[in-house]
Amino acid sequence: MMRYICRGDEVLVDGEWYPVVGFSLMHKPNGPTTGSVFTDKPIGAFEHCLGYRLEYSKITDVREREQ
């Protein structure tokens, strides 16, 4: 189980790390977490004022961003 995602973290998708600039997630106590994470690194669909959308289900790891 991954830890909670915060702005400023990085998420791993298809072997590449992406910075988190925002998210819209639904945490269910007895079910899977669903939703999207947004990044400023180009990938997938771009959402105006939010960034590039990454589906939560495609994230394989999360870490604090290296400074």
C-alpha atoms as a PDB file:
ATOM      1  CA  MET A   1       0.000   0.000   0.000  1.00  0.00           C
ATOM      2  CA  MET A   2       1.315   3.429  -0.952  1.00  0.00           C
ATOM      3  CA  ARG A   3       1.412   6.329   1.463  1.00  0.00           C
ATOM      4  CA  TYR A   4      -0.881   9.294   0.939  1.00  0.00           C
ATOM      5  CA  ILE A   5       0.084  11.615  -1.904  1.00  0.00           C
ATOM      6  CA  CYS A   6       0.842  15.283  -1.144  1.00  0.00           C
ATOM      7  CA  ARG A   7       1.580  18.286  -3.357  1.00  0.00           C
ATOM      8  CA  GLY A   8       5.307  18.405  -3.932  1.00  0.00           C
ATOM      9  CA  ASP A   9       5.695  14.597  -3.961  1.00  0.00           C
ATOM     10  CA  GLU A  10       6.689  12.621  -7.022  1.00  0.00           C
ATOM     11  CA  VAL A  11       4.762   9.647  -8.413  1.00  0.00           C
ATOM     12  CA  LEU A  12       6.105   6.787 -10.526  1.00  0.00           C
ATOM     13  CA  VAL A  13       4.214   5.946 -13.737  1.00  0.00           C
ATOM     14  CA  ASP A  14       5.639   3.588 -16.385  1.00  0.00           C
ATOM     15  CA  GLY A  15       9.146   3.838 -14.903  1.00  0.00           C
ATOM     16  CA  GLU A  16       9.271   7.657 -14.873  1.00  0.00           C
ATOM     17  CA  TRP A  17       8.843  10.067 -11.934  1.00  0.00           C
ATOM     18  CA  TYR A  18       6.361  12.954 -12.209  1.00  0.00           C
ATOM     19  CA  PRO A  19       6.020  15.897  -9.776  1.00  0.00           C
ATOM     20  CA  VAL A  20       2.600  16.289  -8.127  1.00  0.00           C
ATOM     21  CA  VAL A  21       1.086  19.782  -8.473  1.00  0.00           C
ATOM     22  CA  GLY A  22      -2.439  18.775  -7.466  1.00  0.00           C
ATOM     23  CA  PHE A  23      -4.830  15.870  -7.103  1.00  0.00           C
ATOM     24  CA  SER A  24      -8.443  14.838  -6.899  1.00  0.00           C
ATOM     25  CA  LEU A  25      -8.662  11.527  -5.041  1.00  0.00           C
ATOM     26  CA  MET A  26     -11.376   9.576  -3.275  1.00  0.00           C
ATOM     27  CA  HIS A  27     -10.113   7.417  -0.400  1.00  0.00           C
ATOM     28  CA  LYS A  28     -12.486   4.576   0.468  1.00  0.00           C
ATOM     29  CA  PRO A  29     -11.875   2.763   3.783  1.00  0.00           C
ATOM     30  CA  ASN A  30     -13.004  -0.602   2.405  1.00  0.00           C
ATOM     31  CA  GLY A  31     -12.234  -0.097  -1.269  1.00  0.00           C
ATOM     32  CA  PRO A  32      -9.649   1.168  -3.705  1.00  0.00           C
ATOM     33  CA  THR A  33      -8.508   4.779  -3.923  1.00  0.00           C
ATOM     34  CA  THR A  34      -9.630   6.343  -7.200  1.00  0.00           C
ATOM     35  CA  GLY A  35      -9.133   9.642  -8.978  1.00  0.00           C
ATOM     36  CA  SER A  36      -6.407  11.636 -10.672  1.00  0.00           C
ATOM     37  CA  VAL A  37      -3.099  13.295  -9.894  1.00  0.00           C
ATOM     38  CA  PHE A  38      -1.935  16.347 -11.847  1.00  0.00           C
ATOM     39  CA  THR A  39       1.622  17.141 -12.919  1.00  0.00           C
ATOM     40  CA  ASP A  40       3.390  19.917 -14.814  1.00  0.00           C
ATOM     41  CA  LYS A  41       5.548  17.394 -16.702  1.00  0.00           C
ATOM     42  CA  PRO A  42       3.992  16.609 -20.121  1.00  0.00           C
ATOM     43  CA  ILE A  43       2.130  13.270 -20.238  1.00  0.00           C
ATOM     44  CA  GLY A  44      -1.386  12.331 -21.285  1.00  0.00           C
ATOM     45  CA  ALA A  45      -4.299  14.766 -21.346  1.00  0.00           C
ATOM     46  CA  PHE A  46      -3.805  18.410 -20.349  1.00  0.00           C
ATOM     47  CA  GLU A  47      -6.479  19.955 -18.109  1.00  0.00           C
ATOM     48  CA  HIS A  48      -6.654  23.768 -18.227  1.00  0.00           C
ATOM     49  CA  CYS A  49      -5.483  25.335 -14.910  1.00  0.00           C
ATOM     50  CA  LEU A  50      -4.726  21.877 -13.419  1.00  0.00           C
ATOM     51  CA  GLY A  51      -1.936  20.321 -15.472  1.00  0.00           C
ATOM     52  CA  TYR A  52      -1.425  16.933 -17.050  1.00  0.00           C
ATOM     53  CA  ARG A  53      -3.754  14.230 -15.714  1.00  0.00           C
ATOM     54  CA  LEU A  54      -2.386  10.926 -14.373  1.00  0.00           C
ATOM     55  CA  GLU A  55      -4.892   8.263 -13.362  1.00  0.00           C
ATOM     56  CA  TYR A  56      -4.256   7.070  -9.806  1.00  0.00           C
ATOM     57  CA  SER A  57      -4.512   3.425 -10.895  1.00  0.00           C
ATOM     58  CA  LYS A  58      -1.370   3.841 -13.066  1.00  0.00           C
ATOM     59  CA  ILE A  59       0.812   5.067 -10.176  1.00  0.00           C
ATOM     60  CA  THR A  60       3.178   2.368  -8.898  1.00  0.00           C
ATOM     61  CA  ASP A  61       5.082   4.349  -6.221  1.00  0.00           C
ATOM     62  CA  VAL A  62       5.236   7.726  -4.491  1.00  0.00           C
ATOM     63  CA  ARG A  63       8.161   9.557  -2.858  1.00  0.00           C
ATOM     64  CA  GLU A  64       9.022  12.966  -1.452  1.00  0.00           C
ATOM     65  CA  ARG A  65      10.498  15.184  -4.142  1.00  0.00           C
ATOM     66  CA  GLU A  66      14.291  15.485  -3.985  1.00  0.00           C
ATOM     67  CA  GLN A  67      15.337  19.059  -3.271  1.00  0.00           C
END
